[in-house]
């Protein structure tokens, strides 16, 4: 377990937390489309962090502070969640079984902990559209719109962050965590995965909220 934690701790990098959400989202790399062959989890984590703060500030709430260890706790959950294949907060591993366990595992002492999970399509599709086709072209698998037959493009990093935060805000229990004024800090993690049935590209996203003891 120690070696596993060291891997995640090594992933902690600055996420431009000193920028405002508006400054961050204007960066060219944030507006780039997600390439699953060269997926950048650190960039997407930062995009989700800043989009969440944009929503908080819009509601008159203080912005979350960034605590890198929370990214590590979120990454622990993302790694386990992709293997589990489910959006559940608990697992049978004794040291990382609950959100609180995972926060303790990265060395933080908490007064309050909360966690949001999501698993969303990585494609940029019209509202309400979830089904796409798959075909082989020039030896590569390609996804396409069933009606127009045109190739499907992936979301941008900013676009995915906006969509996943919107989905959380539309769910009362998840929204409650985002708008809770008692929660002070936020960490995020993302992992690419595939849907069970169609094998479409998806992203497993985790938010970990925290108030220190």
N, C-alpha and C. Protein backbone atom coordinates (compact mmCIF):
# COMPACT_ATOMS: atom_id res chain seq x y z
N UNK A 1 0.82 -1.21 0.00
CA UNK A 1 0.00 0.00 0.00
C UNK A 1 0.86 1.26 0.00
N UNK A 2 1.99 1.20 0.71
CA UNK A 2 2.85 2.38 0.77
C UNK A 2 3.36 2.77 -0.60
N UNK A 3 3.82 1.78 -1.37
CA UNK A 3 4.32 2.07 -2.71
C UNK A 3 3.24 2.65 -3.60
N UNK A 4 2.01 2.15 -3.45
CA UNK A 4 0.89 2.66 -4.23
C UNK A 4 0.64 4.12 -3.92
N UNK A 5 0.68 4.46 -2.64
CA UNK A 5 0.48 5.85 -2.26
C UNK A 5 1.56 6.75 -2.82
N UNK A 6 2.79 6.27 -2.84
CA UNK A 6 3.88 7.09 -3.35
C UNK A 6 3.67 7.44 -4.81
N UNK A 7 3.11 6.51 -5.57
CA UNK A 7 2.82 6.78 -6.97
C UNK A 7 1.85 7.94 -7.09
N UNK A 8 0.79 7.93 -6.29
CA UNK A 8 -0.20 8.98 -6.36
C UNK A 8 0.35 10.31 -5.85
N UNK A 9 1.15 10.26 -4.80
CA UNK A 9 1.73 11.48 -4.27
C UNK A 9 2.63 12.14 -5.29
N UNK A 10 3.28 11.36 -6.11
CA UNK A 10 4.16 11.92 -7.13
C UNK A 10 3.39 12.65 -8.21
N UNK A 11 2.06 12.37 -8.31
CA UNK A 11 1.26 13.00 -9.34
C UNK A 11 0.83 14.41 -8.97
N UNK A 12 1.01 14.80 -7.73
CA UNK A 12 0.55 16.10 -7.28
C UNK A 12 1.37 17.20 -7.95
N UNK A 13 0.72 18.01 -8.76
CA UNK A 13 1.40 19.09 -9.46
C UNK A 13 0.54 20.35 -9.34
N UNK A 14 1.15 21.52 -9.52
CA UNK A 14 0.35 22.74 -9.47
C UNK A 14 -0.74 22.72 -10.52
N UNK A 15 -1.95 23.20 -10.17
CA UNK A 15 -3.03 23.24 -11.14
C UNK A 15 -3.45 24.67 -11.42
N UNK A 16 -2.49 25.58 -11.37
CA UNK A 16 -2.77 26.98 -11.66
C UNK A 16 -3.88 27.51 -10.75
N UNK A 17 -3.84 27.10 -9.49
CA UNK A 17 -4.88 27.52 -8.54
C UNK A 17 -4.84 29.02 -8.28
N UNK A 18 -3.73 29.67 -8.65
CA UNK A 18 -3.63 31.11 -8.44
C UNK A 18 -4.44 31.89 -9.47
N UNK A 19 -4.86 31.23 -10.56
CA UNK A 19 -5.64 31.89 -11.60
C UNK A 19 -7.12 31.93 -11.20
N UNK A 20 -7.83 32.92 -11.72
CA UNK A 20 -9.28 32.91 -11.58
C UNK A 20 -9.84 31.88 -12.55
N UNK A 21 -11.07 31.40 -12.32
CA UNK A 21 -11.67 30.48 -13.28
C UNK A 21 -11.73 31.04 -14.70
N UNK A 22 -11.99 32.33 -14.81
CA UNK A 22 -12.06 32.96 -16.14
C UNK A 22 -10.70 32.98 -16.81
N UNK A 23 -9.65 33.24 -16.06
CA UNK A 23 -8.30 33.23 -16.62
C UNK A 23 -7.89 31.82 -17.04
N UNK A 24 -8.22 30.85 -16.20
CA UNK A 24 -7.82 29.48 -16.49
C UNK A 24 -8.49 28.95 -17.75
N UNK A 25 -9.78 29.19 -17.90
CA UNK A 25 -10.52 28.58 -19.01
C UNK A 25 -10.10 29.17 -20.35
N UNK A 26 -9.45 30.33 -20.35
CA UNK A 26 -8.99 30.93 -21.61
C UNK A 26 -7.70 30.30 -22.13
N UNK A 27 -7.05 29.49 -21.33
CA UNK A 27 -5.79 28.89 -21.77
C UNK A 27 -6.05 27.94 -22.94
N UNK A 28 -5.21 27.99 -23.99
CA UNK A 28 -5.46 27.17 -25.19
C UNK A 28 -5.57 25.69 -24.90
N UNK A 29 -4.74 25.18 -23.99
CA UNK A 29 -4.77 23.74 -23.73
C UNK A 29 -6.08 23.32 -23.07
N UNK A 30 -6.73 24.24 -22.36
CA UNK A 30 -8.00 23.92 -21.71
C UNK A 30 -9.12 23.84 -22.75
N UNK A 31 -8.97 24.58 -23.85
CA UNK A 31 -9.95 24.57 -24.93
C UNK A 31 -9.67 23.48 -25.97
N UNK A 32 -8.59 22.74 -25.79
CA UNK A 32 -8.27 21.65 -26.73
C UNK A 32 -9.19 20.46 -26.48
N UNK A 33 -9.43 19.69 -27.54
CA UNK A 33 -10.26 18.50 -27.39
C UNK A 33 -9.46 17.38 -26.74
N UNK A 34 -10.14 16.60 -25.93
CA UNK A 34 -9.50 15.49 -25.23
C UNK A 34 -9.08 14.42 -26.23
N UNK A 35 -7.84 14.03 -26.17
CA UNK A 35 -7.32 12.92 -26.98
C UNK A 35 -7.10 11.76 -26.02
N UNK A 36 -7.91 10.72 -26.14
CA UNK A 36 -7.81 9.62 -25.19
C UNK A 36 -6.51 8.85 -25.33
N UNK A 37 -5.84 8.99 -26.47
CA UNK A 37 -4.53 8.35 -26.63
C UNK A 37 -3.44 9.12 -25.91
N UNK A 38 -3.71 10.38 -25.57
CA UNK A 38 -2.75 11.21 -24.84
C UNK A 38 -3.49 11.99 -23.76
N UNK A 39 -4.28 11.27 -22.99
CA UNK A 39 -5.15 11.88 -21.98
C UNK A 39 -4.32 12.59 -20.92
N UNK A 40 -4.71 13.83 -20.58
CA UNK A 40 -3.99 14.63 -19.59
C UNK A 40 -4.87 14.77 -18.34
N UNK A 41 -4.75 13.86 -17.38
CA UNK A 41 -5.61 13.93 -16.20
C UNK A 41 -5.37 15.18 -15.36
N UNK A 42 -4.13 15.63 -15.28
CA UNK A 42 -3.83 16.81 -14.45
C UNK A 42 -4.56 18.03 -14.99
N UNK A 43 -4.58 18.17 -16.32
CA UNK A 43 -5.28 19.30 -16.93
C UNK A 43 -6.79 19.20 -16.69
N UNK A 44 -7.34 18.01 -16.84
CA UNK A 44 -8.78 17.86 -16.63
C UNK A 44 -9.14 18.05 -15.16
N UNK A 45 -8.31 17.57 -14.26
CA UNK A 45 -8.55 17.80 -12.83
C UNK A 45 -8.61 19.30 -12.53
N UNK A 46 -7.67 20.03 -13.11
CA UNK A 46 -7.63 21.48 -12.90
C UNK A 46 -8.86 22.14 -13.48
N UNK A 47 -9.29 21.67 -14.65
CA UNK A 47 -10.48 22.26 -15.29
C UNK A 47 -11.72 22.05 -14.42
N UNK A 48 -11.84 20.87 -13.81
CA UNK A 48 -12.98 20.61 -12.93
C UNK A 48 -12.89 21.47 -11.67
N UNK A 49 -11.69 21.61 -11.12
CA UNK A 49 -11.49 22.45 -9.94
C UNK A 49 -11.93 23.89 -10.22
N UNK A 50 -11.47 24.45 -11.34
CA UNK A 50 -11.79 25.84 -11.65
C UNK A 50 -13.26 26.03 -12.01
N UNK A 51 -13.85 25.06 -12.71
CA UNK A 51 -15.27 25.18 -13.04
C UNK A 51 -16.12 25.12 -11.78
N UNK A 52 -15.73 24.28 -10.83
CA UNK A 52 -16.45 24.22 -9.56
C UNK A 52 -16.36 25.54 -8.82
N UNK A 53 -15.18 26.15 -8.83
CA UNK A 53 -15.03 27.45 -8.18
C UNK A 53 -15.80 28.54 -8.91
N UNK A 54 -15.89 28.44 -10.23
CA UNK A 54 -16.69 29.42 -10.98
C UNK A 54 -18.14 29.39 -10.50
N UNK A 55 -18.66 28.17 -10.33
CA UNK A 55 -20.04 28.02 -9.85
C UNK A 55 -20.18 28.53 -8.42
N UNK A 56 -19.22 28.20 -7.56
CA UNK A 56 -19.26 28.68 -6.17
C UNK A 56 -19.28 30.21 -6.12
N UNK A 57 -18.38 30.82 -6.85
CA UNK A 57 -18.29 32.28 -6.82
C UNK A 57 -19.56 32.92 -7.37
N UNK A 58 -20.13 32.31 -8.40
CA UNK A 58 -21.36 32.82 -8.99
C UNK A 58 -22.51 32.81 -7.97
N UNK A 59 -22.45 31.87 -7.04
CA UNK A 59 -23.49 31.77 -6.01
C UNK A 59 -23.16 32.59 -4.76
N UNK A 60 -22.07 33.35 -4.82
CA UNK A 60 -21.69 34.18 -3.69
C UNK A 60 -20.98 33.44 -2.58
N UNK A 61 -20.47 32.24 -2.89
CA UNK A 61 -19.74 31.43 -1.92
C UNK A 61 -18.24 31.61 -2.10
N UNK A 62 -17.44 31.41 -1.07
CA UNK A 62 -15.99 31.50 -1.23
C UNK A 62 -15.47 30.36 -2.10
N UNK A 63 -14.41 30.65 -2.85
CA UNK A 63 -13.80 29.61 -3.69
C UNK A 63 -13.14 28.55 -2.81
N UNK A 64 -13.13 27.32 -3.31
CA UNK A 64 -12.38 26.27 -2.63
C UNK A 64 -10.89 26.54 -2.76
N UNK A 65 -10.14 26.23 -1.73
CA UNK A 65 -8.68 26.23 -1.84
C UNK A 65 -8.24 24.88 -2.39
N UNK A 66 -7.06 24.89 -2.99
CA UNK A 66 -6.52 23.65 -3.55
C UNK A 66 -5.54 23.02 -2.58
N UNK A 67 -5.79 21.79 -2.19
CA UNK A 67 -4.88 21.01 -1.35
C UNK A 67 -4.43 19.81 -2.16
N UNK A 68 -3.15 19.77 -2.60
CA UNK A 68 -2.70 18.68 -3.48
C UNK A 68 -2.98 17.29 -2.93
N UNK A 69 -2.90 17.13 -1.61
CA UNK A 69 -3.16 15.80 -1.03
C UNK A 69 -4.59 15.33 -1.33
N UNK A 70 -5.51 16.27 -1.49
CA UNK A 70 -6.88 15.88 -1.83
C UNK A 70 -6.96 15.31 -3.23
N UNK A 71 -6.12 15.82 -4.14
CA UNK A 71 -6.04 15.21 -5.48
C UNK A 71 -5.60 13.75 -5.36
N UNK A 72 -4.67 13.50 -4.45
CA UNK A 72 -4.19 12.13 -4.25
C UNK A 72 -5.29 11.23 -3.69
N UNK A 73 -6.06 11.77 -2.75
CA UNK A 73 -7.19 11.00 -2.21
C UNK A 73 -8.22 10.72 -3.29
N UNK A 74 -8.47 11.71 -4.14
CA UNK A 74 -9.41 11.52 -5.24
C UNK A 74 -8.88 10.50 -6.24
N UNK A 75 -7.57 10.53 -6.49
CA UNK A 75 -6.97 9.57 -7.42
C UNK A 75 -7.06 8.15 -6.88
N UNK A 76 -6.90 7.99 -5.59
CA UNK A 76 -7.10 6.67 -4.99
C UNK A 76 -8.49 6.14 -5.32
N UNK A 77 -9.50 7.00 -5.17
CA UNK A 77 -10.87 6.57 -5.46
C UNK A 77 -11.06 6.31 -6.95
N UNK A 78 -10.50 7.16 -7.81
CA UNK A 78 -10.66 6.97 -9.25
C UNK A 78 -10.07 5.65 -9.70
N UNK A 79 -8.88 5.32 -9.19
CA UNK A 79 -8.23 4.07 -9.57
C UNK A 79 -9.06 2.86 -9.14
N UNK A 80 -9.59 2.93 -7.93
CA UNK A 80 -10.42 1.84 -7.42
C UNK A 80 -11.76 1.80 -8.15
N UNK A 81 -12.34 2.97 -8.39
CA UNK A 81 -13.65 3.04 -9.02
C UNK A 81 -13.67 2.50 -10.43
N UNK A 82 -12.62 2.76 -11.21
CA UNK A 82 -12.55 2.24 -12.57
C UNK A 82 -12.52 0.72 -12.56
N UNK A 83 -11.80 0.16 -11.60
CA UNK A 83 -11.74 -1.31 -11.48
C UNK A 83 -13.09 -1.86 -11.02
N UNK A 84 -13.71 -1.20 -10.04
CA UNK A 84 -15.02 -1.64 -9.56
C UNK A 84 -16.09 -1.52 -10.63
N UNK A 85 -15.97 -0.48 -11.46
CA UNK A 85 -16.96 -0.25 -12.50
C UNK A 85 -18.27 0.30 -11.99
N UNK A 86 -18.28 0.84 -10.79
CA UNK A 86 -19.51 1.35 -10.20
C UNK A 86 -19.26 2.71 -9.54
N UNK A 87 -20.34 3.47 -9.42
CA UNK A 87 -20.27 4.75 -8.72
C UNK A 87 -20.70 4.55 -7.26
N UNK A 88 -19.82 3.95 -6.49
CA UNK A 88 -20.07 3.74 -5.07
C UNK A 88 -18.89 4.29 -4.28
N UNK A 89 -19.16 4.77 -3.09
CA UNK A 89 -18.13 5.45 -2.31
C UNK A 89 -17.30 4.51 -1.45
N UNK A 90 -17.77 3.28 -1.26
CA UNK A 90 -17.05 2.33 -0.40
C UNK A 90 -16.45 1.20 -1.24
N UNK A 91 -15.43 0.57 -0.67
CA UNK A 91 -14.82 -0.61 -1.29
C UNK A 91 -14.29 -1.50 -0.17
N UNK A 92 -13.93 -2.75 -0.49
CA UNK A 92 -13.51 -3.68 0.57
C UNK A 92 -12.07 -3.53 1.03
N UNK A 93 -11.30 -2.61 0.46
CA UNK A 93 -9.90 -2.44 0.86
C UNK A 93 -9.84 -1.72 2.21
N UNK A 94 -9.21 -2.30 3.22
CA UNK A 94 -9.33 -1.76 4.59
C UNK A 94 -8.78 -0.36 4.78
N UNK A 95 -7.69 0.00 4.09
CA UNK A 95 -7.08 1.31 4.33
C UNK A 95 -7.69 2.42 3.49
N UNK A 96 -8.47 2.06 2.49
CA UNK A 96 -9.06 3.07 1.60
C UNK A 96 -10.55 2.79 1.37
N UNK A 97 -11.21 2.26 2.37
CA UNK A 97 -12.58 1.77 2.19
C UNK A 97 -13.61 2.89 2.02
N UNK A 98 -13.38 4.04 2.64
CA UNK A 98 -14.35 5.13 2.63
C UNK A 98 -13.66 6.43 2.23
N UNK A 99 -14.43 7.48 1.88
CA UNK A 99 -13.81 8.77 1.61
C UNK A 99 -12.93 9.25 2.76
N UNK A 100 -13.38 9.08 3.99
CA UNK A 100 -12.59 9.50 5.14
C UNK A 100 -11.29 8.70 5.24
N UNK A 101 -11.36 7.40 4.98
CA UNK A 101 -10.15 6.56 4.99
C UNK A 101 -9.14 7.05 3.97
N UNK A 102 -9.63 7.42 2.79
CA UNK A 102 -8.71 7.85 1.73
C UNK A 102 -8.06 9.19 2.07
N UNK A 103 -8.80 10.06 2.71
CA UNK A 103 -8.21 11.33 3.15
C UNK A 103 -7.16 11.09 4.23
N UNK A 104 -7.45 10.20 5.15
CA UNK A 104 -6.45 9.85 6.17
C UNK A 104 -5.22 9.21 5.53
N UNK A 105 -5.43 8.40 4.51
CA UNK A 105 -4.32 7.68 3.87
C UNK A 105 -3.31 8.61 3.22
N UNK A 106 -3.74 9.82 2.84
CA UNK A 106 -2.80 10.77 2.24
C UNK A 106 -2.28 11.77 3.27
N UNK A 107 -2.55 11.51 4.55
CA UNK A 107 -1.92 12.28 5.61
C UNK A 107 -2.67 13.50 6.10
N UNK A 108 -3.95 13.62 5.77
CA UNK A 108 -4.71 14.79 6.20
C UNK A 108 -5.59 14.46 7.40
N UNK A 109 -5.72 15.43 8.30
CA UNK A 109 -6.59 15.30 9.46
C UNK A 109 -7.82 16.18 9.22
N UNK A 110 -8.97 15.58 9.21
CA UNK A 110 -10.16 16.28 8.75
C UNK A 110 -11.17 16.52 9.87
N UNK A 111 -11.96 17.54 9.68
CA UNK A 111 -13.17 17.75 10.47
C UNK A 111 -14.39 17.34 9.68
N UNK A 112 -14.30 17.53 8.35
CA UNK A 112 -15.43 17.18 7.49
C UNK A 112 -14.89 16.74 6.13
N UNK A 113 -15.48 15.68 5.58
CA UNK A 113 -15.09 15.15 4.27
C UNK A 113 -16.35 14.81 3.49
N UNK A 114 -16.33 15.08 2.20
CA UNK A 114 -17.42 14.66 1.31
C UNK A 114 -16.82 14.28 -0.03
N UNK A 115 -17.59 13.56 -0.83
CA UNK A 115 -17.06 13.06 -2.11
C UNK A 115 -18.18 13.04 -3.15
N UNK A 116 -17.86 13.49 -4.36
CA UNK A 116 -18.75 13.38 -5.51
C UNK A 116 -18.12 12.46 -6.55
N UNK A 117 -18.94 11.63 -7.18
CA UNK A 117 -18.48 10.74 -8.23
C UNK A 117 -19.33 10.93 -9.48
N UNK A 118 -18.72 10.70 -10.64
CA UNK A 118 -19.47 10.74 -11.90
C UNK A 118 -18.73 9.89 -12.93
N UNK A 119 -19.48 9.42 -13.89
CA UNK A 119 -18.90 8.68 -15.01
C UNK A 119 -19.65 9.14 -16.25
N UNK A 120 -18.98 9.94 -17.08
CA UNK A 120 -19.65 10.57 -18.21
C UNK A 120 -18.98 10.22 -19.53
N UNK A 121 -19.80 10.30 -20.58
CA UNK A 121 -19.31 10.11 -21.94
C UNK A 121 -18.26 11.17 -22.27
N UNK A 122 -17.23 10.77 -22.98
CA UNK A 122 -16.20 11.72 -23.38
C UNK A 122 -16.49 12.40 -24.70
N UNK A 123 -17.62 12.05 -25.35
CA UNK A 123 -17.94 12.60 -26.66
C UNK A 123 -18.71 13.91 -26.55
N UNK A 124 -18.53 14.77 -27.53
CA UNK A 124 -19.25 16.03 -27.62
C UNK A 124 -20.53 15.78 -28.41
N UNK A 125 -21.61 15.48 -27.71
CA UNK A 125 -22.86 15.11 -28.35
C UNK A 125 -23.95 16.13 -28.06
N UNK A 126 -24.96 16.24 -28.94
CA UNK A 126 -26.07 17.15 -28.67
C UNK A 126 -26.81 16.74 -27.40
N UNK A 127 -27.49 17.67 -26.75
CA UNK A 127 -28.23 17.33 -25.53
C UNK A 127 -29.20 16.18 -25.75
N UNK A 128 -29.19 15.23 -24.85
CA UNK A 128 -30.09 14.09 -24.93
C UNK A 128 -29.61 12.96 -25.80
N UNK A 129 -28.53 13.17 -26.54
CA UNK A 129 -28.01 12.13 -27.43
C UNK A 129 -26.89 11.37 -26.71
N UNK A 130 -27.04 10.08 -26.60
CA UNK A 130 -26.01 9.27 -25.92
C UNK A 130 -25.48 8.14 -26.78
N UNK A 131 -26.22 7.75 -27.81
CA UNK A 131 -25.83 6.61 -28.63
C UNK A 131 -25.02 7.05 -29.84
N UNK A 132 -23.93 6.37 -30.09
CA UNK A 132 -23.12 6.60 -31.28
C UNK A 132 -22.79 5.25 -31.90
N UNK A 133 -22.40 5.29 -33.19
CA UNK A 133 -21.98 4.07 -33.85
C UNK A 133 -20.47 3.92 -33.80
N UNK A 134 -19.99 2.74 -34.13
CA UNK A 134 -18.55 2.50 -34.18
C UNK A 134 -18.23 1.75 -35.46
N UNK A 135 -17.16 2.15 -36.11
CA UNK A 135 -16.74 1.51 -37.35
C UNK A 135 -15.23 1.51 -37.42
N UNK A 136 -14.70 0.73 -38.32
CA UNK A 136 -13.26 0.68 -38.52
C UNK A 136 -12.91 1.42 -39.80
N UNK A 137 -12.02 2.37 -39.70
CA UNK A 137 -11.59 3.15 -40.86
C UNK A 137 -10.08 3.25 -40.84
N UNK A 138 -9.45 2.81 -41.93
CA UNK A 138 -7.99 2.82 -42.06
C UNK A 138 -7.34 2.10 -40.89
N UNK A 139 -7.96 0.99 -40.49
CA UNK A 139 -7.39 0.16 -39.44
C UNK A 139 -7.61 0.68 -38.03
N UNK A 140 -8.35 1.78 -37.90
CA UNK A 140 -8.59 2.36 -36.57
C UNK A 140 -10.07 2.39 -36.27
N UNK A 141 -10.41 2.24 -35.00
CA UNK A 141 -11.80 2.33 -34.57
C UNK A 141 -12.23 3.78 -34.55
N UNK A 142 -13.39 4.05 -35.13
CA UNK A 142 -13.90 5.42 -35.20
C UNK A 142 -15.37 5.43 -34.77
N UNK A 143 -15.72 6.39 -33.95
CA UNK A 143 -17.10 6.55 -33.53
C UNK A 143 -17.77 7.60 -34.42
N UNK A 144 -19.08 7.41 -34.68
CA UNK A 144 -19.77 8.31 -35.60
C UNK A 144 -21.22 8.54 -35.14
N UNK A 145 -21.77 9.67 -35.61
CA UNK A 145 -23.17 9.98 -35.33
C UNK A 145 -24.06 9.03 -36.14
N UNK A 146 -25.04 8.43 -35.50
CA UNK A 146 -25.90 7.47 -36.18
C UNK A 146 -26.74 8.12 -37.27
N UNK A 147 -27.11 9.39 -37.10
CA UNK A 147 -27.97 10.04 -38.09
C UNK A 147 -27.20 10.61 -39.26
N UNK A 148 -26.11 11.31 -39.00
CA UNK A 148 -25.36 11.96 -40.08
C UNK A 148 -24.19 11.13 -40.61
N UNK A 149 -23.80 10.11 -39.86
CA UNK A 149 -22.64 9.26 -40.19
C UNK A 149 -21.31 10.00 -40.08
N UNK A 150 -21.34 11.24 -39.62
CA UNK A 150 -20.11 12.00 -39.46
C UNK A 150 -19.38 11.54 -38.20
N UNK A 151 -18.04 11.64 -38.19
CA UNK A 151 -17.28 11.23 -37.00
C UNK A 151 -17.68 12.05 -35.78
N UNK A 152 -17.68 11.40 -34.64
CA UNK A 152 -17.93 12.07 -33.37
C UNK A 152 -16.62 12.63 -32.84
N UNK A 153 -16.66 13.86 -32.34
CA UNK A 153 -15.47 14.45 -31.74
C UNK A 153 -15.60 14.38 -30.22
N UNK A 154 -14.48 14.43 -29.55
CA UNK A 154 -14.49 14.41 -28.09
C UNK A 154 -14.76 15.81 -27.54
N UNK A 155 -15.13 15.87 -26.29
CA UNK A 155 -15.31 17.16 -25.63
C UNK A 155 -13.95 17.84 -25.46
N UNK A 156 -13.97 19.14 -25.27
CA UNK A 156 -12.77 19.84 -24.84
C UNK A 156 -12.60 19.60 -23.34
N UNK A 157 -11.41 19.90 -22.83
CA UNK A 157 -11.19 19.78 -21.39
C UNK A 157 -12.15 20.70 -20.63
N UNK A 158 -12.31 21.92 -21.13
CA UNK A 158 -13.25 22.85 -20.49
C UNK A 158 -14.68 22.35 -20.62
N UNK A 159 -15.01 21.80 -21.79
CA UNK A 159 -16.37 21.32 -22.02
C UNK A 159 -16.73 20.16 -21.12
N UNK A 160 -15.80 19.22 -20.92
CA UNK A 160 -16.09 18.10 -20.03
C UNK A 160 -16.26 18.60 -18.60
N UNK A 161 -15.38 19.51 -18.17
CA UNK A 161 -15.48 20.04 -16.81
C UNK A 161 -16.83 20.72 -16.59
N UNK A 162 -17.25 21.49 -17.57
CA UNK A 162 -18.55 22.18 -17.46
C UNK A 162 -19.68 21.16 -17.36
N UNK A 163 -19.62 20.11 -18.17
CA UNK A 163 -20.70 19.11 -18.19
C UNK A 163 -20.75 18.31 -16.89
N UNK A 164 -19.59 17.90 -16.38
CA UNK A 164 -19.62 17.07 -15.17
C UNK A 164 -20.05 17.90 -13.96
N UNK A 165 -19.62 19.16 -13.88
CA UNK A 165 -20.07 20.00 -12.77
C UNK A 165 -21.56 20.29 -12.90
N UNK A 166 -22.04 20.49 -14.13
CA UNK A 166 -23.48 20.68 -14.34
C UNK A 166 -24.27 19.46 -13.87
N UNK A 167 -23.75 18.28 -14.19
CA UNK A 167 -24.46 17.06 -13.77
C UNK A 167 -24.52 16.95 -12.25
N UNK A 168 -23.44 17.32 -11.58
CA UNK A 168 -23.45 17.31 -10.12
C UNK A 168 -24.41 18.36 -9.56
N UNK A 169 -24.42 19.53 -10.17
CA UNK A 169 -25.31 20.59 -9.68
C UNK A 169 -26.78 20.25 -9.89
N UNK A 170 -27.07 19.39 -10.86
CA UNK A 170 -28.45 18.97 -11.11
C UNK A 170 -28.89 17.81 -10.21
N UNK A 171 -27.98 17.32 -9.38
CA UNK A 171 -28.28 16.22 -8.46
C UNK A 171 -28.22 16.77 -7.03
N UNK A 172 -29.34 16.82 -6.32
CA UNK A 172 -29.35 17.46 -4.99
C UNK A 172 -28.26 17.01 -4.03
N UNK A 173 -27.96 15.70 -3.89
CA UNK A 173 -26.90 15.32 -2.94
C UNK A 173 -25.52 15.81 -3.35
N UNK A 174 -25.24 15.80 -4.67
CA UNK A 174 -23.94 16.27 -5.15
C UNK A 174 -23.85 17.80 -5.06
N UNK A 175 -24.94 18.45 -5.42
CA UNK A 175 -24.98 19.91 -5.32
C UNK A 175 -24.73 20.36 -3.88
N UNK A 176 -25.29 19.62 -2.93
CA UNK A 176 -25.14 19.99 -1.52
C UNK A 176 -23.67 20.05 -1.12
N UNK A 177 -22.86 19.15 -1.67
CA UNK A 177 -21.43 19.18 -1.36
C UNK A 177 -20.75 20.40 -1.98
N UNK A 178 -21.10 20.70 -3.23
CA UNK A 178 -20.45 21.81 -3.93
C UNK A 178 -20.78 23.15 -3.27
N UNK A 179 -22.01 23.30 -2.79
CA UNK A 179 -22.42 24.61 -2.25
C UNK A 179 -22.35 24.66 -0.72
N UNK A 180 -21.82 23.64 -0.10
CA UNK A 180 -21.72 23.62 1.36
C UNK A 180 -20.68 24.65 1.82
N UNK A 181 -21.09 25.70 2.52
CA UNK A 181 -20.12 26.73 2.93
C UNK A 181 -19.15 26.24 4.00
N UNK A 182 -19.46 25.11 4.64
CA UNK A 182 -18.57 24.57 5.67
C UNK A 182 -17.38 23.82 5.07
N UNK A 183 -17.47 23.42 3.82
CA UNK A 183 -16.37 22.72 3.15
C UNK A 183 -15.42 23.75 2.54
N UNK A 184 -14.14 23.61 2.79
CA UNK A 184 -13.18 24.66 2.45
C UNK A 184 -12.26 24.35 1.28
N UNK A 185 -11.94 23.08 1.07
CA UNK A 185 -10.93 22.71 0.07
C UNK A 185 -11.45 21.62 -0.84
N UNK A 186 -10.83 21.52 -2.03
CA UNK A 186 -11.29 20.58 -3.04
C UNK A 186 -10.10 19.95 -3.75
N UNK A 187 -10.21 18.65 -3.98
CA UNK A 187 -9.26 17.94 -4.83
C UNK A 187 -10.03 17.15 -5.87
N UNK A 188 -9.43 16.95 -7.03
CA UNK A 188 -10.13 16.28 -8.13
C UNK A 188 -9.23 15.22 -8.76
N UNK A 189 -9.86 14.23 -9.37
CA UNK A 189 -9.13 13.21 -10.12
C UNK A 189 -10.02 12.71 -11.25
N UNK A 190 -9.38 12.28 -12.34
CA UNK A 190 -10.11 11.73 -13.48
C UNK A 190 -9.33 10.56 -14.06
N UNK A 191 -10.08 9.60 -14.58
CA UNK A 191 -9.48 8.44 -15.23
C UNK A 191 -10.31 8.07 -16.45
N UNK A 192 -9.66 7.82 -17.59
CA UNK A 192 -10.43 7.34 -18.75
C UNK A 192 -10.87 5.91 -18.52
N UNK A 193 -12.03 5.57 -19.07
CA UNK A 193 -12.55 4.21 -18.97
C UNK A 193 -13.48 3.99 -20.16
N UNK A 194 -14.08 2.83 -20.21
CA UNK A 194 -15.03 2.53 -21.29
C UNK A 194 -16.34 2.05 -20.70
N UNK A 195 -17.43 2.38 -21.39
CA UNK A 195 -18.73 1.90 -20.95
C UNK A 195 -18.79 0.39 -21.08
N UNK A 196 -19.53 -0.24 -20.21
CA UNK A 196 -19.55 -1.70 -20.14
C UNK A 196 -20.13 -2.31 -21.41
N UNK A 197 -21.27 -1.78 -21.88
CA UNK A 197 -21.94 -2.39 -23.02
C UNK A 197 -21.35 -1.99 -24.36
N UNK A 198 -21.32 -0.68 -24.65
CA UNK A 198 -20.91 -0.20 -25.96
C UNK A 198 -19.41 0.01 -26.10
N UNK A 199 -18.69 0.01 -24.97
CA UNK A 199 -17.24 0.24 -24.97
C UNK A 199 -16.89 1.65 -25.44
N UNK A 200 -17.81 2.60 -25.27
CA UNK A 200 -17.53 3.98 -25.64
C UNK A 200 -16.56 4.60 -24.64
N UNK A 201 -15.83 5.61 -25.11
CA UNK A 201 -14.89 6.32 -24.25
C UNK A 201 -15.66 7.11 -23.18
N UNK A 202 -15.29 6.89 -21.93
CA UNK A 202 -15.89 7.61 -20.82
C UNK A 202 -14.79 8.11 -19.89
N UNK A 203 -15.19 8.95 -18.95
CA UNK A 203 -14.25 9.46 -17.95
C UNK A 203 -14.88 9.32 -16.58
N UNK A 204 -14.14 8.72 -15.68
CA UNK A 204 -14.55 8.56 -14.28
C UNK A 204 -13.98 9.76 -13.53
N UNK A 205 -14.85 10.55 -12.90
CA UNK A 205 -14.43 11.79 -12.24
C UNK A 205 -14.75 11.74 -10.75
N UNK A 206 -13.83 12.29 -9.96
CA UNK A 206 -13.97 12.29 -8.50
C UNK A 206 -13.68 13.68 -7.96
N UNK A 207 -14.52 14.14 -7.05
CA UNK A 207 -14.23 15.32 -6.24
C UNK A 207 -14.15 14.90 -4.78
N UNK A 208 -13.14 15.41 -4.08
CA UNK A 208 -13.04 15.19 -2.63
C UNK A 208 -13.02 16.56 -1.96
N UNK A 209 -13.97 16.78 -1.07
CA UNK A 209 -14.11 18.04 -0.33
C UNK A 209 -13.62 17.83 1.10
N UNK A 210 -13.13 18.92 1.70
CA UNK A 210 -12.41 18.75 2.96
C UNK A 210 -12.43 20.03 3.78
N UNK A 211 -12.59 19.86 5.07
CA UNK A 211 -12.34 20.93 6.03
C UNK A 211 -11.40 20.38 7.08
N UNK A 212 -10.29 21.07 7.36
CA UNK A 212 -9.31 20.51 8.30
C UNK A 212 -9.82 20.53 9.73
N UNK A 213 -9.22 19.68 10.52
CA UNK A 213 -9.56 19.61 11.94
C UNK A 213 -9.07 20.86 12.66
